[in-house]
Amino acid sequence: MRNIRYGFKFLSLLILLCAVGCGGGKIKVSGKVTFSDDDSPLTVGTVYFTTESFEARGSLKADGTYTLSALKEGDGIPPGKYRVYVGDAFERVGPSENEVIVPLIDQKFTSTTSSDLEFEVNSSQRTFDFKVDRPK
């Protein structure tokens, strides 16, 4: 009976430790996107952090900054390694009947398969600034 009591206490302690420190929390992630040629901010688009089973996004602001959200604004993401890309980075030019969509960044940054951006999110690393190239 005594061994069962100690086993139960050990199991309870193990569950408590995992609940507190085994990566269950979400981390608020933010950063800034700038152009590699002149460090000016990318002001249009959406930054995506993805894994095989999870995606978070943050809209770029006028100063090039973003804050990631998964389900609700600024809710944060689980710790882990993420592939990063930028979507919707274009501007519409001309009248609506002859509108032309002009990309603002090099196409390689618009997909996880072509972007070489990868970041490890953890409690000590939560700000991710990066540079993109203009279209070639």
Protein backbone atom coordinates (compact mmCIF):
# COMPACT_ATOMS: atom_id res chain seq x y z
CA MET A 1 0.00 0.00 0.00
CA ARG A 2 2.86 2.34 0.83
CA ASN A 3 4.39 1.85 -2.67
CA ILE A 4 1.07 2.75 -4.28
CA ARG A 5 0.91 5.97 -2.27
CA TYR A 6 4.47 6.95 -3.32
CA GLY A 7 3.71 5.97 -6.91
CA PHE A 8 0.62 8.17 -6.91
CA LYS A 9 2.59 11.11 -5.46
CA PHE A 10 5.32 10.63 -8.08
CA LEU A 11 2.77 10.45 -10.90
CA SER A 12 1.01 13.59 -9.60
CA LEU A 13 4.32 15.47 -9.44
CA LEU A 14 5.22 14.34 -12.97
CA ILE A 15 1.87 15.52 -14.35
CA LEU A 16 2.24 18.88 -12.58
CA LEU A 17 5.78 19.39 -13.92
CA CYS A 18 4.70 18.62 -17.48
CA ALA A 19 1.72 20.94 -17.24
CA VAL A 20 3.98 23.77 -16.09
CA GLY A 21 7.13 23.23 -18.14
CA CYS A 22 6.63 20.88 -21.08
CA GLY A 23 5.93 23.48 -23.77
CA GLY A 24 2.19 23.78 -23.25
CA GLY A 25 2.23 27.58 -23.37
CA LYS A 26 1.96 29.83 -26.37
CA ILE A 27 4.55 32.44 -27.22
CA LYS A 28 3.71 35.87 -28.58
CA VAL A 29 5.80 36.31 -31.72
CA SER A 30 6.48 39.55 -33.59
CA GLY A 31 9.05 41.05 -35.89
CA LYS A 32 9.78 43.34 -38.80
CA VAL A 33 10.22 42.71 -42.52
CA THR A 34 12.50 44.98 -44.52
CA PHE A 35 13.97 45.02 -48.00
CA SER A 36 17.54 43.77 -48.33
CA ASP A 37 18.69 46.56 -50.64
CA ASP A 38 17.81 49.62 -48.54
CA ASP A 39 16.31 48.42 -45.22
CA SER A 40 13.00 50.11 -46.00
CA PRO A 41 9.97 48.29 -44.52
CA LEU A 42 7.70 45.98 -46.49
CA THR A 43 4.35 47.61 -45.73
CA VAL A 44 1.93 45.27 -47.52
CA GLY A 45 1.44 41.55 -47.03
CA THR A 46 1.02 38.79 -44.50
CA VAL A 47 3.76 36.84 -42.70
CA TYR A 48 3.05 33.11 -42.25
CA PHE A 49 4.76 30.75 -39.77
CA THR A 50 3.90 27.14 -40.65
CA THR A 51 4.54 23.54 -39.70
CA GLU A 52 2.99 20.43 -41.24
CA SER A 53 0.02 20.75 -38.88
CA PHE A 54 -0.14 24.41 -37.81
CA GLU A 55 -0.22 27.88 -39.34
CA ALA A 56 -0.16 31.36 -37.80
CA ARG A 57 -0.21 34.68 -39.60
CA GLY A 58 0.38 38.35 -39.02
CA SER A 59 -0.52 41.29 -41.25
CA LEU A 60 2.25 43.77 -42.00
CA LYS A 61 1.76 47.29 -40.72
CA ALA A 62 2.97 50.54 -42.30
CA ASP A 63 6.30 50.28 -40.44
CA GLY A 64 6.91 46.68 -41.60
CA THR A 65 6.08 45.09 -38.24
CA TYR A 66 3.84 42.09 -37.63
CA THR A 67 2.43 40.13 -34.69
CA LEU A 68 1.40 36.51 -35.23
CA SER A 69 -2.06 35.19 -34.51
CA ALA A 70 -3.42 31.66 -34.76
CA LEU A 71 -7.05 31.78 -33.63
CA LYS A 72 -7.46 35.31 -32.29
CA GLU A 73 -5.43 38.51 -32.50
CA GLY A 74 -2.03 38.23 -30.80
CA ASP A 75 -2.75 34.86 -29.16
CA GLY A 76 0.72 33.46 -29.81
CA ILE A 77 2.00 30.13 -31.12
CA PRO A 78 3.44 26.95 -29.61
CA PRO A 79 7.22 26.68 -29.37
CA GLY A 80 8.89 24.88 -32.26
CA LYS A 81 10.57 25.15 -35.63
CA TYR A 82 8.64 27.04 -38.32
CA ARG A 83 8.98 27.60 -42.05
CA VAL A 84 8.22 31.21 -42.93
CA TYR A 85 6.90 32.91 -46.04
CA VAL A 86 5.16 36.16 -47.04
CA GLY A 87 1.83 36.26 -48.87
CA ASP A 88 -0.26 39.01 -50.42
CA ALA A 89 2.77 41.27 -50.96
CA PHE A 90 1.54 43.07 -54.06
CA GLU A 91 -0.15 46.27 -55.10
CA ARG A 92 -2.93 46.87 -57.59
CA VAL A 93 -2.14 49.46 -60.24
CA GLY A 94 -4.47 51.10 -62.75
CA PRO A 95 -8.22 51.41 -63.14
CA SER A 96 -10.29 48.42 -62.00
CA GLU A 97 -11.15 47.30 -65.55
CA ASN A 98 -7.43 47.23 -66.53
CA GLU A 99 -5.96 46.63 -63.11
CA VAL A 100 -2.48 45.11 -62.96
CA ILE A 101 -1.16 43.25 -59.93
CA VAL A 102 2.46 44.15 -59.26
CA PRO A 103 4.47 41.91 -56.89
CA LEU A 104 6.49 43.76 -54.27
CA ILE A 105 8.86 40.91 -53.31
CA ASP A 106 10.83 38.19 -55.07
CA GLN A 107 8.67 35.11 -55.66
CA LYS A 108 11.02 32.88 -53.65
CA PHE A 109 9.66 34.43 -50.42
CA THR A 110 6.02 33.58 -51.26
CA SER A 111 6.04 29.85 -50.51
CA THR A 112 7.40 27.46 -47.89
CA THR A 113 8.92 25.35 -50.65
CA SER A 114 11.01 28.20 -52.06
CA SER A 115 11.59 30.40 -49.02
CA ASP A 116 14.74 29.60 -47.10
CA LEU A 117 13.34 31.28 -43.98
CA GLU A 118 13.12 29.01 -40.95
CA PHE A 119 12.91 30.08 -37.32
CA GLU A 120 12.96 28.32 -33.95
CA VAL A 121 10.38 29.85 -31.60
CA ASN A 122 10.98 29.43 -27.87
CA SER A 123 10.62 31.41 -24.66
CA SER A 124 13.92 33.22 -25.20
CA GLN A 125 13.49 33.79 -28.97
CA ARG A 126 10.23 35.50 -29.86
CA THR A 127 11.20 38.39 -32.17
CA PHE A 128 12.00 37.56 -35.79
CA ASP A 129 13.14 40.33 -38.10
CA PHE A 130 14.06 39.33 -41.62
CA LYS A 131 14.84 40.77 -45.04
CA VAL A 132 13.26 40.08 -48.41
CA ASP A 133 14.44 40.88 -51.93
CA ARG A 134 12.56 42.94 -54.46
CA PRO A 135 11.29 41.19 -57.61
CA LYS A 136 13.92 40.39 -60.20
